[in-house]
């Protein structure tokens, strides 16, 4: 269990603190990490059709080597499965398997699997535990850490859910070798986000190393994952339930991005990370238009994301809707409070902040202009 190159971080939440372990080949050792958590030597693995073939047997063999029996459920892949029907199927399966409150369900897959398993575990028998084993870059650097779990409904993304922290996060960067290039790039958008929030030096690192990371440079991938997870753990520890404005900064690009996802039907037309990339560009352009952010910073963000093939405008995101339609999606955002939508804007790279100073009518006008500009 003690690989010399394994990195270990902790999300500091008092009695609910949990470790994040990062290291090449950890899937083959996962049984040694999970077994000590179990009250009895059994678990349940939930994965999807994209992940099952390359990784389910490897995880199962590692559990078996530690004397842990398991059952598994392979779900359809894709964002569209984060639904009421998908949640019902998963919860019914867990109950049918006799899951107990003290047991740990293993979420093996990307952000969609992590969200669904976490959401199900937050409500089954009033809460059981789970382990995040993220296999995509987006899940490894962002969604597997922090305890936000949810499903989508017609009105918007992630509107039904709960804060439910995992007991453990196991990150094996070698799983990225089987990830399609488009999925890898989509996850990279969340890496860039950590530089844009409050770390201009890390954004500059991304400008220099992002292409190598996407091309397979293992050192760059390890650096990006460890830095991003450390930043996420720090922010979650400071503001777990987003009651202050600290954790809200992690939503940079997401209010715009979720509107783009809704407009494209939460489908493969626009992946979540792609929507976030376009959303971060829009947030910087909106900030520049308001005189908050230097225009050259907004251009740097656009140019870097474009250079790695990510959407950087409404047109490149495949969205040609008017501003009113997109703003209407934003009105359903779960962050709305008192009828106002807090926006994550910026005073420049690494200088993001939360504001309620701008109404959705102003956002709609801006998006109309953004659509015309391309």
Protein backbone atom coordinates (compact mmCIF):
# COMPACT_ATOMS: atom_id res chain seq x y z
CA UNK A 1 0.00 0.00 0.00
CA UNK A 2 2.96 2.33 0.50
CA UNK A 3 4.14 3.16 -3.02
CA UNK A 4 7.20 5.39 -2.83
CA UNK A 5 5.80 7.76 -5.49
CA UNK A 6 2.33 7.98 -3.94
CA UNK A 7 1.21 11.43 -2.84
CA UNK A 8 -1.29 11.82 0.00
CA UNK A 9 -3.39 14.88 0.77
CA UNK A 10 -6.18 15.40 3.27
CA UNK A 11 -9.46 17.28 3.05
CA UNK A 12 -9.58 18.79 6.53
CA UNK A 13 -13.17 18.58 7.79
CA UNK A 14 -12.71 17.62 11.42
CA UNK A 15 -14.21 14.21 12.17
CA UNK A 16 -15.22 13.89 8.50
CA UNK A 17 -11.72 14.52 7.11
CA UNK A 18 -10.65 12.09 4.42
CA UNK A 19 -7.51 11.27 2.44
CA UNK A 20 -6.81 11.69 -1.25
CA UNK A 21 -4.11 9.38 -2.57
CA UNK A 22 -2.48 9.95 -5.96
CA UNK A 23 -0.12 7.59 -7.74
CA UNK A 24 0.45 5.60 -10.90
CA UNK A 25 -0.87 2.05 -10.64
CA UNK A 26 -3.08 2.63 -7.60
CA UNK A 27 -5.98 0.72 -9.18
CA UNK A 28 -3.95 -2.45 -8.71
CA UNK A 29 -3.56 -1.59 -5.00
CA UNK A 30 -7.03 -0.28 -4.33
CA UNK A 31 -8.04 -3.24 -2.21
CA UNK A 32 -5.37 -2.36 0.34
CA UNK A 33 -6.80 1.16 0.61
CA UNK A 34 -10.46 0.18 0.76
CA UNK A 35 -10.31 -2.93 2.99
CA UNK A 36 -9.41 -1.04 6.20
CA UNK A 37 -12.57 1.06 5.83
CA UNK A 38 -14.95 -1.89 5.72
CA UNK A 39 -16.89 -3.20 8.66
CA UNK A 40 -17.24 -6.53 6.88
CA UNK A 41 -15.24 -7.76 3.88
CA UNK A 42 -17.59 -6.84 1.06
CA UNK A 43 -18.40 -3.84 -1.11
CA UNK A 44 -20.35 -2.77 -4.19
CA UNK A 45 -18.78 -1.23 -7.30
CA UNK A 46 -20.72 1.10 -9.57
CA UNK A 47 -19.21 1.96 -12.94
CA UNK A 48 -20.28 2.58 -16.54
CA UNK A 49 -19.90 0.94 -19.93
CA UNK A 50 -16.85 3.04 -20.86
CA UNK A 51 -14.92 2.15 -17.72
CA UNK A 52 -15.96 -1.44 -17.02
CA UNK A 53 -13.91 -3.12 -19.75
CA UNK A 54 -10.51 -1.59 -18.99
CA UNK A 55 -10.74 -1.29 -15.20
CA UNK A 56 -13.48 -3.26 -13.42
CA UNK A 57 -11.61 -6.57 -13.41
CA UNK A 58 -8.42 -4.89 -12.18
CA UNK A 59 -10.23 -3.29 -9.25
CA UNK A 60 -12.07 -6.52 -8.53
CA UNK A 61 -8.86 -8.54 -8.47
CA UNK A 62 -7.28 -6.08 -6.05
CA UNK A 63 -10.28 -6.31 -3.71
CA UNK A 64 -10.28 -10.11 -3.92
CA UNK A 65 -6.59 -10.19 -3.04
CA UNK A 66 -7.52 -8.47 0.24
CA UNK A 67 -10.33 -10.94 0.91
CA UNK A 68 -13.06 -8.46 -0.05
CA UNK A 69 -16.02 -9.79 -2.02
CA UNK A 70 -17.99 -7.44 -4.25
CA UNK A 71 -20.95 -7.09 -6.56
CA UNK A 72 -20.98 -4.65 -9.46
CA UNK A 73 -23.42 -2.57 -11.49
CA UNK A 74 -22.45 -1.32 -14.94
CA UNK A 75 -24.56 1.68 -15.97
CA UNK A 76 -24.89 3.42 -19.33
CA UNK A 77 -22.33 6.18 -19.84
CA UNK A 78 -23.14 9.82 -20.40
CA UNK A 79 -24.48 12.97 -18.77
CA UNK A 80 -28.05 12.11 -19.78
CA UNK A 81 -28.05 9.30 -17.21
CA UNK A 82 -27.81 11.80 -14.32
CA UNK A 83 -31.60 11.75 -14.04
CA UNK A 84 -34.43 10.72 -11.73
CA UNK A 85 -34.69 7.40 -13.58
CA UNK A 86 -30.95 6.81 -13.27
CA UNK A 87 -30.99 7.65 -9.58
CA UNK A 88 -33.97 5.36 -8.97
CA UNK A 89 -32.26 2.45 -10.72
CA UNK A 90 -29.10 2.90 -8.67
CA UNK A 91 -30.81 3.27 -5.29
CA UNK A 92 -33.02 0.25 -5.93
CA UNK A 93 -29.96 -1.81 -6.83
CA UNK A 94 -28.09 -0.76 -3.69
CA UNK A 95 -31.08 -1.65 -1.52
CA UNK A 96 -31.43 -4.96 -3.34
CA UNK A 97 -27.79 -5.69 -2.57
CA UNK A 98 -28.51 -5.11 1.11
CA UNK A 99 -26.26 -2.09 1.50
CA UNK A 100 -25.84 -0.99 5.11
CA UNK A 101 -25.13 2.46 6.51
CA UNK A 102 -21.62 1.52 7.53
CA UNK A 103 -20.66 0.09 4.14
CA UNK A 104 -18.67 1.79 1.40
CA UNK A 105 -19.83 1.83 -2.21
CA UNK A 106 -17.04 2.28 -4.79
CA UNK A 107 -17.69 4.85 -7.52
CA UNK A 108 -15.42 3.83 -10.39
CA UNK A 109 -15.59 6.27 -13.27
CA UNK A 110 -15.85 9.90 -14.25
CA UNK A 111 -17.83 12.76 -12.81
CA UNK A 112 -21.20 11.38 -13.84
CA UNK A 113 -20.64 8.13 -11.94
CA UNK A 114 -19.22 9.98 -8.95
CA UNK A 115 -22.20 12.34 -8.84
CA UNK A 116 -24.76 9.55 -9.17
CA UNK A 117 -23.16 7.28 -6.59
CA UNK A 118 -22.61 10.11 -4.14
CA UNK A 119 -26.19 11.31 -4.54
CA UNK A 120 -27.57 7.79 -4.08
CA UNK A 121 -25.39 7.18 -1.03
CA UNK A 122 -26.56 10.43 0.53
CA UNK A 123 -30.16 9.17 0.65
CA UNK A 124 -30.12 5.36 0.79
CA UNK A 125 -30.92 4.36 4.38
CA UNK A 126 -30.41 8.05 5.27
CA UNK A 127 -26.81 7.89 4.22
CA UNK A 128 -24.10 5.33 3.55
CA UNK A 129 -20.44 5.83 2.73
CA UNK A 130 -18.67 5.77 -0.62
CA UNK A 131 -15.20 5.85 -2.14
CA UNK A 132 -14.36 7.95 -5.18
CA UNK A 133 -12.12 6.29 -7.78
CA UNK A 134 -12.10 8.87 -10.59
CA UNK A 135 -10.89 7.74 -14.00
CA UNK A 136 -11.20 10.99 -15.99
CA UNK A 137 -9.11 14.13 -15.69
CA UNK A 138 -12.16 16.23 -14.85
CA UNK A 139 -13.14 13.93 -12.00
CA UNK A 140 -9.55 13.58 -10.76
CA UNK A 141 -8.92 17.31 -10.49
CA UNK A 142 -12.36 18.49 -9.45
CA UNK A 143 -15.60 16.58 -9.05
CA UNK A 144 -14.33 13.63 -6.96
CA UNK A 145 -13.27 15.99 -4.15
CA UNK A 146 -15.57 18.14 -2.06
CA UNK A 147 -18.77 16.16 -1.62
CA UNK A 148 -21.06 17.88 -4.13
CA UNK A 149 -23.39 15.20 -5.50
CA UNK A 150 -26.38 15.71 -7.77
CA UNK A 151 -28.53 14.77 -10.72
CA UNK A 152 -29.95 16.93 -13.51
CA UNK A 153 -33.60 17.78 -14.14
CA UNK A 154 -35.33 19.54 -17.02
CA UNK A 155 -35.00 22.95 -15.35
CA UNK A 156 -31.25 22.75 -15.00
CA UNK A 157 -28.04 20.96 -14.11
CA UNK A 158 -27.33 19.53 -10.65
CA UNK A 159 -30.52 20.96 -9.13
CA UNK A 160 -31.28 17.81 -7.11
CA UNK A 161 -28.54 16.69 -4.78
CA UNK A 162 -26.74 16.91 -1.46
CA UNK A 163 -23.39 17.60 0.13
CA UNK A 164 -22.08 14.13 0.94
CA UNK A 165 -18.34 13.71 1.40
CA UNK A 166 -16.56 10.50 0.35
CA UNK A 167 -14.54 8.46 2.82
CA UNK A 168 -11.56 8.22 0.45
CA UNK A 169 -10.44 9.39 -3.01
CA UNK A 170 -8.04 7.19 -4.98
CA UNK A 171 -6.51 8.79 -8.09
CA UNK A 172 -4.52 6.72 -10.58
CA UNK A 173 -3.30 9.05 -13.37
CA UNK A 174 -2.53 6.08 -15.65
CA UNK A 175 -6.27 5.78 -16.35
CA UNK A 176 -5.92 8.92 -18.45
CA UNK A 177 -4.02 6.92 -21.07
CA UNK A 178 -7.28 5.34 -22.26
CA UNK A 179 -9.27 8.57 -22.15
CA UNK A 180 -10.38 9.96 -25.54
CA UNK A 181 -8.64 13.20 -26.44
CA UNK A 182 -11.84 15.20 -26.30
CA UNK A 183 -12.60 13.99 -22.76
CA UNK A 184 -9.05 14.75 -21.67
CA UNK A 185 -9.24 18.30 -23.02
CA UNK A 186 -12.61 18.81 -21.34
CA UNK A 187 -11.06 17.86 -18.00
CA UNK A 188 -8.16 20.20 -18.64
CA UNK A 189 -10.57 23.14 -18.53
CA UNK A 190 -11.04 22.47 -14.81
CA UNK A 191 -7.25 22.48 -14.34
CA UNK A 192 -7.03 25.91 -15.95
CA UNK A 193 -9.83 27.10 -13.66
CA UNK A 194 -7.62 26.81 -10.58
CA UNK A 195 -5.14 29.23 -12.11
CA UNK A 196 -7.85 31.68 -13.08
CA UNK A 197 -9.46 31.68 -9.63
CA UNK A 198 -6.54 32.85 -7.51
CA UNK A 199 -3.22 31.58 -8.87
CA UNK A 200 -1.87 33.54 -11.83
CA UNK A 201 1.44 31.66 -11.67
CA UNK A 202 -0.37 28.35 -12.15
CA UNK A 203 -2.24 29.74 -15.16
CA UNK A 204 1.13 30.72 -16.62
CA UNK A 205 2.30 27.15 -15.94
CA UNK A 206 -0.74 25.90 -17.86
CA UNK A 207 0.10 28.15 -20.81
CA UNK A 208 3.58 26.60 -20.92
CA UNK A 209 2.70 22.98 -20.12
CA UNK A 210 -0.93 22.43 -21.11
CA UNK A 211 -0.16 21.06 -24.56
CA UNK A 212 2.37 18.59 -23.13
CA UNK A 213 -0.12 17.46 -20.49
CA UNK A 214 -2.70 16.71 -23.16
CA UNK A 215 -0.08 14.96 -25.31
CA UNK A 216 0.68 12.48 -22.51
CA UNK A 217 3.48 14.02 -20.42
CA UNK A 218 3.15 12.11 -17.12
CA UNK A 219 5.06 14.70 -15.11
CA UNK A 220 2.77 17.48 -16.28
CA UNK A 221 -0.28 15.36 -15.50
CA UNK A 222 0.91 14.59 -11.97
CA UNK A 223 1.69 18.27 -11.35
CA UNK A 224 -1.71 19.39 -12.63
CA UNK A 225 -3.64 16.79 -10.63
CA UNK A 226 -1.77 17.33 -7.36
CA UNK A 227 -1.92 21.12 -7.61
CA UNK A 228 -5.61 21.15 -8.52
CA UNK A 229 -6.62 18.68 -5.81
CA UNK A 230 -4.63 20.59 -3.21
CA UNK A 231 -6.37 23.82 -4.19
CA UNK A 232 -9.78 22.17 -4.12
CA UNK A 233 -9.12 20.58 -0.71
CA UNK A 234 -8.04 23.94 0.71
CA UNK A 235 -11.16 25.70 -0.57
CA UNK A 236 -13.53 22.94 0.58
CA UNK A 237 -11.99 22.95 4.06
CA UNK A 238 -12.54 26.70 4.29
CA UNK A 239 -16.15 26.69 3.03
CA UNK A 240 -17.57 23.18 2.73
CA UNK A 241 -21.20 24.08 2.00
CA UNK A 242 -20.61 27.27 0.03
CA UNK A 243 -22.14 29.45 2.75
CA UNK A 244 -19.43 32.04 2.19
CA UNK A 245 -18.00 33.28 -1.09
CA UNK A 246 -14.86 31.12 -0.84
CA UNK A 247 -16.13 27.87 -2.39
CA UNK A 248 -18.36 29.79 -4.80
CA UNK A 249 -15.20 30.77 -6.69
CA UNK A 250 -14.96 27.16 -7.87
CA UNK A 251 -17.99 27.97 -10.03
CA UNK A 252 -15.97 30.26 -12.29
CA UNK A 253 -17.38 29.76 -15.78
CA UNK A 254 -20.09 27.41 -14.54
CA UNK A 255 -23.11 29.73 -14.56
CA UNK A 256 -22.49 30.53 -18.21
CA UNK A 257 -21.39 26.96 -18.91
CA UNK A 258 -24.44 25.31 -17.35
CA UNK A 259 -26.66 27.49 -19.53
CA UNK A 260 -24.80 26.24 -22.60
CA UNK A 261 -25.19 22.65 -21.43
CA UNK A 262 -28.92 23.13 -20.90
CA UNK A 263 -29.30 24.68 -24.32
CA UNK A 264 -27.53 21.70 -25.91
CA UNK A 265 -29.63 19.18 -23.96
CA UNK A 266 -26.94 17.85 -21.58
CA UNK A 267 -25.65 15.75 -24.44
CA UNK A 268 -22.42 14.82 -26.16
CA UNK A 269 -22.86 17.92 -28.30
CA UNK A 270 -21.11 19.80 -25.50
CA UNK A 271 -19.24 18.09 -22.67
CA UNK A 272 -19.28 19.64 -19.21
CA UNK A 273 -15.63 20.71 -19.32
CA UNK A 274 -16.10 22.17 -22.79
CA UNK A 275 -19.02 24.23 -21.49
CA UNK A 276 -16.90 25.39 -18.54
CA UNK A 277 -14.12 26.44 -20.93
CA UNK A 278 -16.50 28.57 -22.98
CA UNK A 279 -18.08 29.83 -19.76
CA UNK A 280 -14.73 31.00 -18.36
CA UNK A 281 -14.03 32.92 -21.55
CA UNK A 282 -17.48 34.51 -21.35
CA UNK A 283 -16.94 35.43 -17.68
CA UNK A 284 -13.66 37.15 -18.58
CA UNK A 285 -15.19 38.90 -21.59
CA UNK A 286 -18.15 40.09 -19.51
CA UNK A 287 -15.72 41.35 -16.86
CA UNK A 288 -13.64 43.16 -19.49
CA UNK A 289 -16.75 44.74 -20.99
CA UNK A 290 -17.68 46.05 -17.53
CA UNK A 291 -14.23 47.55 -17.10
CA UNK A 292 -13.32 45.11 -14.33
CA UNK A 293 -10.70 43.03 -16.11
CA UNK A 294 -7.88 44.07 -18.47
CA UNK A 295 -8.95 43.12 -22.02
CA UNK A 296 -5.56 41.52 -22.60
CA UNK A 297 -6.21 39.08 -19.73
CA UNK A 298 -9.52 38.06 -21.29
CA UNK A 299 -7.67 37.52 -24.58
CA UNK A 300 -5.02 35.36 -22.87
CA UNK A 301 -7.71 33.09 -21.45
CA UNK A 302 -9.46 32.79 -24.82
CA UNK A 303 -6.23 32.19 -26.71
CA UNK A 304 -4.95 29.50 -24.35
CA UNK A 305 -8.19 27.52 -24.32
CA UNK A 306 -8.46 27.85 -28.10
CA UNK A 307 -4.86 26.65 -28.48
CA UNK A 308 -5.71 23.30 -26.85
CA UNK A 309 -8.87 22.86 -28.90
CA UNK A 310 -11.45 23.86 -26.30
CA UNK A 311 -14.54 25.96 -27.05
CA UNK A 312 -13.80 29.63 -26.51
CA UNK A 313 -16.99 31.31 -27.76
CA UNK A 314 -20.68 30.58 -28.24
CA UNK A 315 -20.04 29.64 -31.85
CA UNK A 316 -17.22 27.22 -31.07
CA UNK A 317 -19.45 25.68 -28.38
CA UNK A 318 -22.08 25.03 -31.06
CA UNK A 319 -24.61 27.42 -29.49
CA UNK A 320 -26.44 29.96 -31.63
CA UNK A 321 -29.26 30.86 -29.23
CA UNK A 322 -30.11 34.40 -28.21
CA UNK A 323 -29.10 35.91 -24.92
CA UNK A 324 -32.62 35.77 -23.47
CA UNK A 325 -32.81 31.99 -23.88
CA UNK A 326 -29.44 31.45 -22.23
CA UNK A 327 -30.20 33.89 -19.40
CA UNK A 328 -33.46 32.02 -18.78
CA UNK A 329 -31.43 28.88 -18.07
CA UNK A 330 -29.24 30.85 -15.71
CA UNK A 331 -32.32 32.00 -13.78
CA UNK A 332 -32.76 28.38 -12.61
CA UNK A 333 -29.19 28.20 -11.32
CA UNK A 334 -29.07 26.64 -7.85
CA UNK A 335 -26.94 29.54 -6.63
CA UNK A 336 -29.77 32.06 -7.07
CA UNK A 337 -30.56 33.74 -3.76
CA UNK A 338 -33.15 36.43 -3.18
CA UNK A 339 -33.91 36.32 -6.89
CA UNK A 340 -30.34 37.34 -7.76
CA UNK A 341 -27.71 35.16 -9.41
CA UNK A 342 -24.22 35.55 -7.95
CA UNK A 343 -21.78 35.72 -10.85
CA UNK A 344 -18.13 34.75 -10.63
CA UNK A 345 -16.31 37.55 -12.41
CA UNK A 346 -12.69 38.65 -12.41
CA UNK A 347 -10.40 41.64 -12.06
CA UNK A 348 -7.76 39.79 -14.04
CA UNK A 349 -6.12 36.38 -14.24
CA UNK A 350 -6.01 34.89 -10.74
CA UNK A 351 -8.32 37.57 -9.31
CA UNK A 352 -11.83 36.11 -9.39
CA UNK A 353 -14.59 37.38 -7.13
CA UNK A 354 -18.32 36.96 -6.48
CA UNK A 355 -20.81 39.72 -7.24
CA UNK A 356 -24.56 40.25 -7.45
CA UNK A 357 -24.23 43.64 -9.10
CA UNK A 358 -25.30 42.55 -12.56
CA UNK A 359 -28.83 41.46 -13.46
CA UNK A 360 -29.74 38.76 -15.94
CA UNK A 361 -31.06 41.40 -18.35
CA UNK A 362 -27.52 42.78 -18.61
CA UNK A 363 -26.16 39.24 -19.02
CA UNK A 364 -28.69 38.57 -21.79
CA UNK A 365 -27.60 41.72 -23.66
CA UNK A 366 -23.97 40.69 -23.30
CA UNK A 367 -24.69 37.20 -24.64
CA UNK A 368 -26.52 38.67 -27.62
CA UNK A 369 -23.38 40.63 -28.37
CA UNK A 370 -21.19 37.57 -27.81
CA UNK A 371 -23.31 35.61 -30.27
CA UNK A 372 -22.93 38.32 -32.89
CA UNK A 373 -19.17 38.56 -32.33
CA UNK A 374 -18.72 34.78 -32.66
